[in-house]
């Protein structure tokens, strides 16, 4: 009997590094992001693709991701692309925990990791 394989894509924020617009300003701090889970296709299940994708994301003042790039590839282009697409759904918060208003936050870079595993 063949057992069912479950696939999990886990998103985690690895580090927070926000850069101030001017050197005299303190760096903004970000709260962890909430990110959607990417879709793992049937084709990938058949190929048993697994791996970890590490992304650098540029977080805008409102907590949304404005740019993303692969820093460390999973070794599978399909997983890397799916992780990039999913990273744009991440929403970061400000350290103060208050609702972001226009101009409140400072854009900065952070790192998001997607770990694609089968069990």
PDB file of N, CA and C in Angstrom:
ATOM      1  N   UNK A   1       0.840  -1.176   0.000  1.00  0.00           N
ATOM      2  CA  UNK A   1       0.000   0.000   0.000  1.00  0.00           C
ATOM      3  C   UNK A   1       0.890   1.246   0.000  1.00  0.00           C
ATOM      4  N   UNK A   2       0.524   2.206  -0.799  1.00  0.00           N
ATOM      5  CA  UNK A   2       1.284   3.450  -0.886  1.00  0.00           C
ATOM      6  C   UNK A   2       0.639   4.475   0.025  1.00  0.00           C
ATOM      7  N   UNK A   3       1.455   5.062   0.899  1.00  0.00           N
ATOM      8  CA  UNK A   3       0.947   6.077   1.806  1.00  0.00           C
ATOM      9  C   UNK A   3       0.819   7.424   1.128  1.00  0.00           C
ATOM     10  N   UNK A   4      -0.035   8.253   1.649  1.00  0.00           N
ATOM     11  CA  UNK A   4      -0.204   9.597   1.110  1.00  0.00           C
ATOM     12  C   UNK A   4       0.955  10.463   1.575  1.00  0.00           C
ATOM     13  N   UNK A   5       1.406  11.332   0.702  1.00  0.00           N
ATOM     14  CA  UNK A   5       2.469  12.271   1.055  1.00  0.00           C
ATOM     15  C   UNK A   5       1.840  13.626   1.311  1.00  0.00           C
ATOM     16  N   UNK A   6       2.227  14.208   2.393  1.00  0.00           N
ATOM     17  CA  UNK A   6       1.778  15.554   2.720  1.00  0.00           C
ATOM     18  C   UNK A   6       2.920  16.502   2.431  1.00  0.00           C
ATOM     19  N   UNK A   7       2.595  17.626   1.879  1.00  0.00           N
ATOM     20  CA  UNK A   7       3.602  18.617   1.549  1.00  0.00           C
ATOM     21  C   UNK A   7       3.338  19.872   2.348  1.00  0.00           C
ATOM     22  N   UNK A   8       4.396  20.422   2.851  1.00  0.00           N
ATOM     23  CA  UNK A   8       4.275  21.616   3.664  1.00  0.00           C
ATOM     24  C   UNK A   8       5.247  22.663   3.147  1.00  0.00           C
ATOM     25  N   UNK A   9       4.789  23.873   3.013  1.00  0.00           N
ATOM     26  CA  UNK A   9       5.662  25.007   2.734  1.00  0.00           C
ATOM     27  C   UNK A   9       5.566  25.907   3.952  1.00  0.00           C
ATOM     28  N   UNK A  10       6.665  26.090   4.629  1.00  0.00           N
ATOM     29  CA  UNK A  10       6.684  26.858   5.861  1.00  0.00           C
ATOM     30  C   UNK A  10       7.381  28.187   5.595  1.00  0.00           C
ATOM     31  N   UNK A  11       6.702  29.264   5.905  1.00  0.00           N
ATOM     32  CA  UNK A  11       7.304  30.589   5.751  1.00  0.00           C
ATOM     33  C   UNK A  11       7.742  31.083   7.112  1.00  0.00           C
ATOM     34  N   UNK A  12       8.947  31.592   7.182  1.00  0.00           N
ATOM     35  CA  UNK A  12       9.403  32.175   8.431  1.00  0.00           C
ATOM     36  C   UNK A  12      10.232  33.407   8.129  1.00  0.00           C
ATOM     37  N   UNK A  13      10.111  34.376   9.005  1.00  0.00           N
ATOM     38  CA  UNK A  13      10.904  35.586   8.880  1.00  0.00           C
ATOM     39  C   UNK A  13      12.164  35.354   9.689  1.00  0.00           C
ATOM     40  N   UNK A  14      13.313  35.449   9.031  1.00  0.00           N
ATOM     41  CA  UNK A  14      14.563  35.116   9.685  1.00  0.00           C
ATOM     42  C   UNK A  14      15.185  36.281  10.429  1.00  0.00           C
ATOM     43  N   UNK A  15      15.152  37.443   9.826  1.00  0.00           N
ATOM     44  CA  UNK A  15      15.796  38.583  10.470  1.00  0.00           C
ATOM     45  C   UNK A  15      15.107  39.857  10.039  1.00  0.00           C
ATOM     46  N   UNK A  16      15.294  40.852  10.847  1.00  0.00           N
ATOM     47  CA  UNK A  16      14.726  42.155  10.538  1.00  0.00           C
ATOM     48  C   UNK A  16      15.866  43.150  10.446  1.00  0.00           C
ATOM     49  N   UNK A  17      15.926  43.847   9.349  1.00  0.00           N
ATOM     50  CA  UNK A  17      16.934  44.874   9.187  1.00  0.00           C
ATOM     51  C   UNK A  17      16.311  46.001   8.386  1.00  0.00           C
ATOM     52  N   UNK A  18      15.945  47.041   9.042  1.00  0.00           N
ATOM     53  CA  UNK A  18      15.347  48.180   8.348  1.00  0.00           C
ATOM     54  C   UNK A  18      16.363  49.303   8.334  1.00  0.00           C
ATOM     55  N   UNK A  19      16.413  50.010   7.252  1.00  0.00           N
ATOM     56  CA  UNK A  19      17.393  51.061   7.110  1.00  0.00           C
ATOM     57  C   UNK A  19      16.700  52.410   7.055  1.00  0.00           C
ATOM     58  N   UNK A  20      17.170  53.338   7.845  1.00  0.00           N
ATOM     59  CA  UNK A  20      16.575  54.667   7.908  1.00  0.00           C
ATOM     60  C   UNK A  20      16.879  55.432   6.625  1.00  0.00           C
ATOM     61  N   UNK A  21      16.002  56.365   6.317  1.00  0.00           N
ATOM     62  CA  UNK A  21      16.181  57.180   5.117  1.00  0.00           C
ATOM     63  C   UNK A  21      17.422  58.063   5.237  1.00  0.00           C
ATOM     64  N   UNK A  22      17.692  58.544   6.440  1.00  0.00           N
ATOM     65  CA  UNK A  22      18.868  59.386   6.678  1.00  0.00           C
ATOM     66  C   UNK A  22      19.680  58.764   7.800  1.00  0.00           C
ATOM     67  N   UNK A  23      20.981  58.921   7.739  1.00  0.00           N
ATOM     68  CA  UNK A  23      21.862  58.288   8.723  1.00  0.00           C
ATOM     69  C   UNK A  23      21.555  58.747  10.144  1.00  0.00           C
ATOM     70  N   UNK A  24      21.040  59.949  10.311  1.00  0.00           N
ATOM     71  CA  UNK A  24      20.768  60.476  11.643  1.00  0.00           C
ATOM     72  C   UNK A  24      19.513  59.874  12.263  1.00  0.00           C
ATOM     73  N   UNK A  25      18.644  59.274  11.442  1.00  0.00           N
ATOM     74  CA  UNK A  25      17.400  58.705  11.951  1.00  0.00           C
ATOM     75  C   UNK A  25      17.635  57.295  12.475  1.00  0.00           C
ATOM     76  N   UNK A  26      16.947  56.896  13.550  1.00  0.00           N
ATOM     77  CA  UNK A  26      17.092  55.526  14.030  1.00  0.00           C
ATOM     78  C   UNK A  26      16.445  54.544  13.052  1.00  0.00           C
ATOM     79  N   UNK A  27      16.983  53.352  12.982  1.00  0.00           N
ATOM     80  CA  UNK A  27      16.406  52.323  12.108  1.00  0.00           C
ATOM     81  C   UNK A  27      15.066  51.880  12.666  1.00  0.00           C
ATOM     82  N   UNK A  28      14.091  51.700  11.787  1.00  0.00           N
ATOM     83  CA  UNK A  28      12.771  51.230  12.194  1.00  0.00           C
ATOM     84  C   UNK A  28      12.843  49.744  12.509  1.00  0.00           C
ATOM     85  N   UNK A  29      11.981  49.285  13.395  1.00  0.00           N
ATOM     86  CA  UNK A  29      11.915  47.857  13.713  1.00  0.00           C
ATOM     87  C   UNK A  29      10.601  47.308  13.167  1.00  0.00           C
ATOM     88  N   UNK A  30      10.657  46.074  12.708  1.00  0.00           N
ATOM     89  CA  UNK A  30       9.489  45.431  12.139  1.00  0.00           C
ATOM     90  C   UNK A  30       9.053  44.273  13.019  1.00  0.00           C
ATOM     91  N   UNK A  31       7.753  44.065  13.084  1.00  0.00           N
ATOM     92  CA  UNK A  31       7.222  42.876  13.750  1.00  0.00           C
ATOM     93  C   UNK A  31       7.194  41.745  12.736  1.00  0.00           C
ATOM     94  N   UNK A  32       7.128  40.510  13.205  1.00  0.00           N
ATOM     95  CA  UNK A  32       7.077  39.385  12.257  1.00  0.00           C
ATOM     96  C   UNK A  32       5.948  39.535  11.244  1.00  0.00           C
ATOM     97  N   UNK A  33       6.193  38.955  10.097  1.00  0.00           N
ATOM     98  CA  UNK A  33       5.233  39.050   9.000  1.00  0.00           C
ATOM     99  C   UNK A  33       4.256  37.886   9.030  1.00  0.00           C
ATOM    100  N   UNK A  34       3.094  38.149   8.478  1.00  0.00           N
ATOM    101  CA  UNK A  34       2.174  37.055   8.176  1.00  0.00           C
ATOM    102  C   UNK A  34       2.260  36.867   6.664  1.00  0.00           C
ATOM    103  N   UNK A  35       2.481  35.631   6.254  1.00  0.00           N
ATOM    104  CA  UNK A  35       2.661  35.323   4.839  1.00  0.00           C
ATOM    105  C   UNK A  35       1.737  34.175   4.455  1.00  0.00           C
ATOM    106  N   UNK A  36       1.266  34.202   3.219  1.00  0.00           N
ATOM    107  CA  UNK A  36       0.423  33.105   2.765  1.00  0.00           C
ATOM    108  C   UNK A  36       1.298  31.904   2.409  1.00  0.00           C
ATOM    109  N   UNK A  37       0.682  30.736   2.402  1.00  0.00           N
ATOM    110  CA  UNK A  37       1.388  29.504   2.055  1.00  0.00           C
ATOM    111  C   UNK A  37       1.297  29.289   0.557  1.00  0.00           C
ATOM    112  N   UNK A  38       2.435  29.098  -0.099  1.00  0.00           N
ATOM    113  CA  UNK A  38       2.414  28.853  -1.545  1.00  0.00           C
ATOM    114  C   UNK A  38       1.746  27.526  -1.882  1.00  0.00           C
ATOM    115  N   UNK A  39       1.258  27.433  -3.090  1.00  0.00           N
ATOM    116  CA  UNK A  39       0.624  26.205  -3.573  1.00  0.00           C
ATOM    117  C   UNK A  39       1.713  25.254  -4.069  1.00  0.00           C
ATOM    118  N   UNK A  40       1.621  23.998  -3.662  1.00  0.00           N
ATOM    119  CA  UNK A  40       2.546  22.949  -4.090  1.00  0.00           C
ATOM    120  C   UNK A  40       1.806  22.087  -5.109  1.00  0.00           C
ATOM    121  N   UNK A  41       2.227  22.135  -6.357  1.00  0.00           N
ATOM    122  CA  UNK A  41       1.482  21.481  -7.438  1.00  0.00           C
ATOM    123  C   UNK A  41       1.648  19.960  -7.434  1.00  0.00           C
ATOM    124  N   UNK A  42       0.758  19.294  -8.113  1.00  0.00           N
ATOM    125  CA  UNK A  42       0.806  17.836  -8.237  1.00  0.00           C
ATOM    126  C   UNK A  42       2.090  17.390  -8.936  1.00  0.00           C
ATOM    127  N   UNK A  43       2.510  18.146  -9.940  1.00  0.00           N
ATOM    128  CA  UNK A  43       3.751  17.810 -10.648  1.00  0.00           C
ATOM    129  C   UNK A  43       4.948  17.801  -9.696  1.00  0.00           C
ATOM    130  N   UNK A  44       4.998  18.787  -8.811  1.00  0.00           N
ATOM    131  CA  UNK A  44       6.099  18.856  -7.848  1.00  0.00           C
ATOM    132  C   UNK A  44       6.044  17.690  -6.873  1.00  0.00           C
ATOM    133  N   UNK A  45       4.808  17.281  -6.511  1.00  0.00           N
ATOM    134  CA  UNK A  45       4.644  16.123  -5.618  1.00  0.00           C
ATOM    135  C   UNK A  45       5.192  14.879  -6.284  1.00  0.00           C
ATOM    136  N   UNK A  46       4.875  14.708  -7.570  1.00  0.00           N
ATOM    137  CA  UNK A  46       5.360  13.543  -8.312  1.00  0.00           C
ATOM    138  C   UNK A  46       6.890  13.521  -8.369  1.00  0.00           C
ATOM    139  N   UNK A  47       7.484  14.694  -8.480  1.00  0.00           N
ATOM    140  CA  UNK A  47       8.943  14.802  -8.548  1.00  0.00           C
ATOM    141  C   UNK A  47       9.585  14.860  -7.155  1.00  0.00           C
ATOM    142  N   UNK A  48       8.746  14.945  -6.117  1.00  0.00           N
ATOM    143  CA  UNK A  48       9.192  15.030  -4.725  1.00  0.00           C
ATOM    144  C   UNK A  48      10.180  16.181  -4.501  1.00  0.00           C
ATOM    145  N   UNK A  49       9.847  17.340  -5.059  1.00  0.00           N
ATOM    146  CA  UNK A  49      10.710  18.509  -4.900  1.00  0.00           C
ATOM    147  C   UNK A  49      10.681  18.993  -3.455  1.00  0.00           C
ATOM    148  N   UNK A  50      11.846  19.263  -2.922  1.00  0.00           N
ATOM    149  CA  UNK A  50      11.997  19.799  -1.575  1.00  0.00           C
ATOM    150  C   UNK A  50      13.130  20.809  -1.591  1.00  0.00           C
ATOM    151  N   UNK A  51      13.179  21.637  -0.591  1.00  0.00           N
ATOM    152  CA  UNK A  51      14.285  22.577  -0.467  1.00  0.00           C
ATOM    153  C   UNK A  51      13.902  23.790   0.343  1.00  0.00           C
ATOM    154  N   UNK A  52      14.884  24.624   0.566  1.00  0.00           N
ATOM    155  CA  UNK A  52      14.690  25.854   1.324  1.00  0.00           C
ATOM    156  C   UNK A  52      15.069  27.032   0.442  1.00  0.00           C
ATOM    157  N   UNK A  53      14.199  28.027   0.416  1.00  0.00           N
ATOM    158  CA  UNK A  53      14.430  29.245  -0.362  1.00  0.00           C
ATOM    159  C   UNK A  53      14.542  30.401   0.622  1.00  0.00           C
ATOM    160  N   UNK A  54      15.620  31.131   0.543  1.00  0.00           N
ATOM    161  CA  UNK A  54      15.796  32.318   1.394  1.00  0.00           C
ATOM    162  C   UNK A  54      15.686  33.548   0.502  1.00  0.00           C
ATOM    163  N   UNK A  55      14.833  34.485   0.911  1.00  0.00           N
ATOM    164  CA  UNK A  55      14.567  35.681   0.130  1.00  0.00           C
ATOM    165  C   UNK A  55      14.906  36.932   0.916  1.00  0.00           C
ATOM    166  N   UNK A  56      15.391  37.932   0.222  1.00  0.00           N
ATOM    167  CA  UNK A  56      15.512  39.273   0.785  1.00  0.00           C
ATOM    168  C   UNK A  56      14.300  40.036   0.290  1.00  0.00           C
ATOM    169  N   UNK A  57      13.571  40.676   1.222  1.00  0.00           N
ATOM    170  CA  UNK A  57      12.376  41.429   0.845  1.00  0.00           C
ATOM    171  C   UNK A  57      12.506  42.870   1.300  1.00  0.00           C
ATOM    172  N   UNK A  58      12.109  43.780   0.433  1.00  0.00           N
ATOM    173  CA  UNK A  58      12.080  45.193   0.768  1.00  0.00           C
ATOM    174  C   UNK A  58      10.691  45.507   1.288  1.00  0.00           C
ATOM    175  N   UNK A  59      10.628  45.896   2.554  1.00  0.00           N
ATOM    176  CA  UNK A  59       9.356  46.186   3.211  1.00  0.00           C
ATOM    177  C   UNK A  59       9.118  47.689   3.167  1.00  0.00           C
ATOM    178  N   UNK A  60       7.959  48.076   2.638  1.00  0.00           N
ATOM    179  CA  UNK A  60       7.590  49.485   2.534  1.00  0.00           C
ATOM    180  C   UNK A  60       7.118  49.995   3.892  1.00  0.00           C
ATOM    181  N   UNK A  61       6.934  51.293   4.002  1.00  0.00           N
ATOM    182  CA  UNK A  61       6.505  51.918   5.256  1.00  0.00           C
ATOM    183  C   UNK A  61       5.169  51.384   5.751  1.00  0.00           C
ATOM    184  N   UNK A  62       4.321  50.901   4.837  1.00  0.00           N
ATOM    185  CA  UNK A  62       3.016  50.375   5.254  1.00  0.00           C
ATOM    186  C   UNK A  62       3.064  48.887   5.618  1.00  0.00           C
ATOM    187  N   UNK A  63       4.249  48.263   5.566  1.00  0.00           N
ATOM    188  CA  UNK A  63       4.403  46.860   5.944  1.00  0.00           C
ATOM    189  C   UNK A  63       4.273  45.884   4.798  1.00  0.00           C
ATOM    190  N   UNK A  64       4.003  46.387   3.596  1.00  0.00           N
ATOM    191  CA  UNK A  64       3.869  45.496   2.438  1.00  0.00           C
ATOM    192  C   UNK A  64       5.239  45.278   1.783  1.00  0.00           C
ATOM    193  N   UNK A  65       5.361  44.166   1.081  1.00  0.00           N
ATOM    194  CA  UNK A  65       6.607  43.839   0.387  1.00  0.00           C
ATOM    195  C   UNK A  65       6.576  44.495  -0.989  1.00  0.00           C
ATOM    196  N   UNK A  66       7.577  45.305  -1.259  1.00  0.00           N
ATOM    197  CA  UNK A  66       7.650  46.031  -2.527  1.00  0.00           C
ATOM    198  C   UNK A  66       8.617  45.395  -3.509  1.00  0.00           C
ATOM    199  N   UNK A  67       9.570  44.621  -2.997  1.00  0.00           N
ATOM    200  CA  UNK A  67      10.545  43.973  -3.858  1.00  0.00           C
ATOM    201  C   UNK A  67      11.028  42.713  -3.156  1.00  0.00           C
ATOM    202  N   UNK A  68      11.337  41.681  -3.923  1.00  0.00           N
ATOM    203  CA  UNK A  68      11.858  40.441  -3.352  1.00  0.00           C
ATOM    204  C   UNK A  68      12.872  39.837  -4.309  1.00  0.00           C
ATOM    205  N   UNK A  69      13.891  39.212  -3.734  1.00  0.00           N
ATOM    206  CA  UNK A  69      14.893  38.537  -4.560  1.00  0.00           C
ATOM    207  C   UNK A  69      15.404  37.304  -3.830  1.00  0.00           C
ATOM    208  N   UNK A  70      15.759  36.302  -4.602  1.00  0.00           N
ATOM    209  CA  UNK A  70      16.274  35.059  -4.037  1.00  0.00           C
ATOM    210  C   UNK A  70      17.715  35.288  -3.593  1.00  0.00           C
ATOM    211  N   UNK A  71      17.984  34.966  -2.326  1.00  0.00           N
ATOM    212  CA  UNK A  71      19.327  35.068  -1.771  1.00  0.00           C
ATOM    213  C   UNK A  71      19.965  33.683  -1.756  1.00  0.00           C
ATOM    214  N   UNK A  72      19.141  32.671  -1.475  1.00  0.00           N
ATOM    215  CA  UNK A  72      19.613  31.283  -1.467  1.00  0.00           C
ATOM    216  C   UNK A  72      18.551  30.424  -2.132  1.00  0.00           C
ATOM    217  N   UNK A  73      18.932  29.747  -3.201  1.00  0.00           N
ATOM    218  CA  UNK A  73      17.993  28.940  -3.978  1.00  0.00           C
ATOM    219  C   UNK A  73      17.765  27.571  -3.342  1.00  0.00           C
ATOM    220  N   UNK A  74      16.594  27.027  -3.608  1.00  0.00           N
ATOM    221  CA  UNK A  74      16.262  25.661  -3.180  1.00  0.00           C
ATOM    222  C   UNK A  74      16.923  24.635  -4.097  1.00  0.00           C
ATOM    223  N   UNK A  75      17.384  25.102  -5.245  1.00  0.00           N
ATOM    224  CA  UNK A  75      17.911  24.198  -6.254  1.00  0.00           C
ATOM    225  C   UNK A  75      16.857  23.823  -7.286  1.00  0.00           C
ATOM    226  N   UNK A  76      15.642  24.320  -7.058  1.00  0.00           N
ATOM    227  CA  UNK A  76      14.532  24.036  -7.976  1.00  0.00           C
ATOM    228  C   UNK A  76      13.892  25.375  -8.363  1.00  0.00           C
ATOM    229  N   UNK A  77      13.989  25.696  -9.613  1.00  0.00           N
ATOM    230  CA  UNK A  77      13.471  26.981 -10.094  1.00  0.00           C
ATOM    231  C   UNK A  77      11.992  27.172  -9.764  1.00  0.00           C
ATOM    232  N   UNK A  78      11.211  26.113  -9.876  1.00  0.00           N
ATOM    233  CA  UNK A  78       9.770  26.200  -9.618  1.00  0.00           C
ATOM    234  C   UNK A  78       9.497  26.597  -8.163  1.00  0.00           C
ATOM    235  N   UNK A  79      10.215  26.008  -7.219  1.00  0.00           N
ATOM    236  CA  UNK A  79      10.019  26.340  -5.806  1.00  0.00           C
ATOM    237  C   UNK A  79      10.477  27.773  -5.514  1.00  0.00           C
ATOM    238  N   UNK A  80      11.572  28.180  -6.148  1.00  0.00           N
ATOM    239  CA  UNK A  80      12.068  29.545  -5.972  1.00  0.00           C
ATOM    240  C   UNK A  80      11.033  30.565  -6.457  1.00  0.00           C
ATOM    241  N   UNK A  81      10.463  30.312  -7.639  1.00  0.00           N
ATOM    242  CA  UNK A  81       9.462  31.237  -8.195  1.00  0.00           C
ATOM    243  C   UNK A  81       8.201  31.284  -7.332  1.00  0.00           C
ATOM    244  N   UNK A  82       7.747  30.126  -6.865  1.00  0.00           N
ATOM    245  CA  UNK A  82       6.552  30.090  -6.016  1.00  0.00           C
ATOM    246  C   UNK A  82       6.803  30.842  -4.704  1.00  0.00           C
ATOM    247  N   UNK A  83       7.997  30.722  -4.166  1.00  0.00           N
ATOM    248  CA  UNK A  83       8.350  31.431  -2.935  1.00  0.00           C
ATOM    249  C   UNK A  83       8.379  32.942  -3.170  1.00  0.00           C
ATOM    250  N   UNK A  84       8.935  33.345  -4.293  1.00  0.00           N
ATOM    251  CA  UNK A  84       8.951  34.775  -4.632  1.00  0.00           C
ATOM    252  C   UNK A  84       7.530  35.330  -4.724  1.00  0.00           C
ATOM    253  N   UNK A  85       6.666  34.612  -5.434  1.00  0.00           N
ATOM    254  CA  UNK A  85       5.267  35.072  -5.568  1.00  0.00           C
ATOM    255  C   UNK A  85       4.612  35.183  -4.193  1.00  0.00           C
ATOM    256  N   UNK A  86       4.807  34.184  -3.358  1.00  0.00           N
ATOM    257  CA  UNK A  86       4.179  34.177  -2.030  1.00  0.00           C
ATOM    258  C   UNK A  86       4.726  35.286  -1.135  1.00  0.00           C
ATOM    259  N   UNK A  87       5.987  35.653  -1.318  1.00  0.00           N
ATOM    260  CA  UNK A  87       6.578  36.675  -0.451  1.00  0.00           C
ATOM    261  C   UNK A  87       5.887  38.032  -0.601  1.00  0.00           C
ATOM    262  N   UNK A  88       5.289  38.280  -1.759  1.00  0.00           N
ATOM    263  CA  UNK A  88       4.589  39.549  -1.966  1.00  0.00           C
ATOM    264  C   UNK A  88       3.268  39.614  -1.187  1.00  0.00           C
ATOM    265  N   UNK A  89       2.852  38.502  -0.618  1.00  0.00           N
ATOM    266  CA  UNK A  89       1.636  38.500   0.214  1.00  0.00           C
ATOM    267  C   UNK A  89       1.959  38.763   1.685  1.00  0.00           C
ATOM    268  N   UNK A  90       3.242  38.771   2.035  1.00  0.00           N
ATOM    269  CA  UNK A  90       3.638  39.000   3.432  1.00  0.00           C
ATOM    270  C   UNK A  90       3.262  40.411   3.857  1.00  0.00           C
ATOM    271  N   UNK A  91       2.844  40.525   5.091  1.00  0.00           N
ATOM    272  CA  UNK A  91       2.503  41.831   5.658  1.00  0.00           C
ATOM    273  C   UNK A  91       3.231  41.958   6.990  1.00  0.00           C
ATOM    274  N   UNK A  92       4.087  42.961   7.102  1.00  0.00           N
ATOM    275  CA  UNK A  92       4.857  43.217   8.304  1.00  0.00           C
ATOM    276  C   UNK A  92       4.167  44.281   9.147  1.00  0.00           C
ATOM    277  N   UNK A  93       4.410  44.268  10.442  1.00  0.00           N
ATOM    278  CA  UNK A  93       3.888  45.280  11.347  1.00  0.00           C
ATOM    279  C   UNK A  93       5.017  46.144  11.876  1.00  0.00           C
ATOM    280  N   UNK A  94       4.662  47.234  12.521  1.00  0.00           N
ATOM    281  CA  UNK A  94       5.676  48.094  13.126  1.00  0.00           C
ATOM    282  C   UNK A  94       5.928  47.657  14.558  1.00  0.00           C
ATOM    283  N   UNK A  95       7.069  48.000  15.091  1.00  0.00           N
ATOM    284  CA  UNK A  95       7.449  47.573  16.436  1.00  0.00           C
ATOM    285  C   UNK A  95       6.512  48.122  17.494  1.00  0.00           C
ATOM    286  N   UNK A  96       5.976  49.294  17.250  1.00  0.00           N
ATOM    287  CA  UNK A  96       5.096  49.921  18.236  1.00  0.00           C
ATOM    288  C   UNK A  96       3.768  49.191  18.354  1.00  0.00           C
ATOM    289  N   UNK A  97       3.429  48.398  17.350  1.00  0.00           N
ATOM    290  CA  UNK A  97       2.180  47.646  17.383  1.00  0.00           C
ATOM    291  C   UNK A  97       0.970  48.484  17.026  1.00  0.00           C
ATOM    292  N   UNK A  98       1.199  49.685  16.563  1.00  0.00           N
ATOM    293  CA  UNK A  98       0.092  50.556  16.182  1.00  0.00           C
ATOM    294  C   UNK A  98      -0.176  50.409  14.701  1.00  0.00           C
ATOM    295  N   UNK A  99      -1.358  50.761  14.317  1.00  0.00           N
ATOM    296  CA  UNK A  99      -1.711  50.716  12.900  1.00  0.00           C
ATOM    297  C   UNK A  99      -0.842  51.700  12.140  1.00  0.00           C
ATOM    298  N   UNK A 100      -0.296  51.248  11.037  1.00  0.00           N
ATOM    299  CA  UNK A 100       0.585  52.103  10.248  1.00  0.00           C
ATOM    300  C   UNK A 100      -0.227  53.167   9.528  1.00  0.00           C
ATOM    301  N   UNK A 101       0.247  54.379   9.628  1.00  0.00           N
ATOM    302  CA  UNK A 101      -0.331  55.485   8.875  1.00  0.00           C
ATOM    303  C   UNK A 101       0.701  55.910   7.849  1.00  0.00           C
ATOM    304  N   UNK A 102       0.257  56.556   6.811  1.00  0.00           N
ATOM    305  CA  UNK A 102       1.177  56.980   5.776  1.00  0.00           C
ATOM    306  C   UNK A 102       2.291  57.816   6.380  1.00  0.00           C
ATOM    307  N   UNK A 103       3.537  57.438   6.075  1.00  0.00           N
ATOM    308  CA  UNK A 103       4.683  58.178   6.571  1.00  0.00           C
ATOM    309  C   UNK A 103       5.181  57.714   7.930  1.00  0.00           C
ATOM    310  N   UNK A 104       4.467  56.786   8.615  1.00  0.00           N
ATOM    311  CA  UNK A 104       4.891  56.319   9.939  1.00  0.00           C
ATOM    312  C   UNK A 104       6.150  55.464   9.884  1.00  0.00           C
ATOM    313  N   UNK A 105       6.195  54.530   8.945  1.00  0.00           N
ATOM    314  CA  UNK A 105       7.287  53.570   8.902  1.00  0.00           C
ATOM    315  C   UNK A 105       8.404  54.013   7.992  1.00  0.00           C
ATOM    316  N   UNK A 106       9.497  53.278   8.084  1.00  0.00           N
ATOM    317  CA  UNK A 106      10.639  53.522   7.230  1.00  0.00           C
ATOM    318  C   UNK A 106      10.894  52.245   6.439  1.00  0.00           C
ATOM    319  N   UNK A 107      10.994  52.330   5.119  1.00  0.00           N
ATOM    320  CA  UNK A 107      11.252  51.127   4.331  1.00  0.00           C
ATOM    321  C   UNK A 107      12.557  50.460   4.750  1.00  0.00           C
ATOM    322  N   UNK A 108      12.614  49.141   4.648  1.00  0.00           N
ATOM    323  CA  UNK A 108      13.831  48.424   4.999  1.00  0.00           C
ATOM    324  C   UNK A 108      13.801  47.005   4.481  1.00  0.00           C
ATOM    325  N   UNK A 109      14.935  46.352   4.540  1.00  0.00           N
ATOM    326  CA  UNK A 109      15.072  44.983   4.059  1.00  0.00           C
ATOM    327  C   UNK A 109      14.922  43.999   5.198  1.00  0.00           C
ATOM    328  N   UNK A 110      14.326  42.860   4.902  1.00  0.00           N
ATOM    329  CA  UNK A 110      14.200  41.761   5.842  1.00  0.00           C
ATOM    330  C   UNK A 110      14.432  40.469   5.071  1.00  0.00           C
ATOM    331  N   UNK A 111      14.505  39.365   5.786  1.00  0.00           N
ATOM    332  CA  UNK A 111      14.727  38.066   5.165  1.00  0.00           C
ATOM    333  C   UNK A 111      13.565  37.149   5.487  1.00  0.00           C
ATOM    334  N   UNK A 112      13.043  36.489   4.454  1.00  0.00           N
ATOM    335  CA  UNK A 112      11.964  35.524   4.619  1.00  0.00           C
ATOM    336  C   UNK A 112      12.454  34.196   4.049  1.00  0.00           C
ATOM    337  N   UNK A 113      12.127  33.114   4.730  1.00  0.00           N
ATOM    338  CA  UNK A 113      12.540  31.790   4.274  1.00  0.00           C
ATOM    339  C   UNK A 113      11.318  30.904   4.083  1.00  0.00           C
ATOM    340  N   UNK A 114      11.283  30.200   2.962  1.00  0.00           N
ATOM    341  CA  UNK A 114      10.253  29.196   2.709  1.00  0.00           C
ATOM    342  C   UNK A 114      10.939  27.837   2.701  1.00  0.00           C
ATOM    343  N   UNK A 115      10.452  26.950   3.537  1.00  0.00           N
ATOM    344  CA  UNK A 115      11.010  25.595   3.618  1.00  0.00           C
ATOM    345  C   UNK A 115       9.978  24.636   3.048  1.00  0.00           C
ATOM    346  N   UNK A 116      10.311  23.990   1.955  1.00  0.00           N
ATOM    347  CA  UNK A 116       9.428  23.060   1.262  1.00  0.00           C
ATOM    348  C   UNK A 116       9.839  21.648   1.662  1.00  0.00           C
ATOM    349  N   UNK A 117       8.953  20.960   2.380  1.00  0.00           N
ATOM    350  CA  UNK A 117       9.267  19.615   2.852  1.00  0.00           C
ATOM    351  C   UNK A 117       8.104  18.672   2.555  1.00  0.00           C
ATOM    352  N   UNK A 118       8.408  17.408   2.385  1.00  0.00           N
ATOM    353  CA  UNK A 118       7.373  16.384   2.264  1.00  0.00           C
ATOM    354  C   UNK A 118       7.488  15.480   3.481  1.00  0.00           C
ATOM    355  N   UNK A 119       6.359  14.972   3.920  1.00  0.00           N
ATOM    356  CA  UNK A 119       6.399  14.047   5.061  1.00  0.00           C
ATOM    357  C   UNK A 119       5.576  12.823   4.786  1.00  0.00           C
TER     358      UNK A 119
END
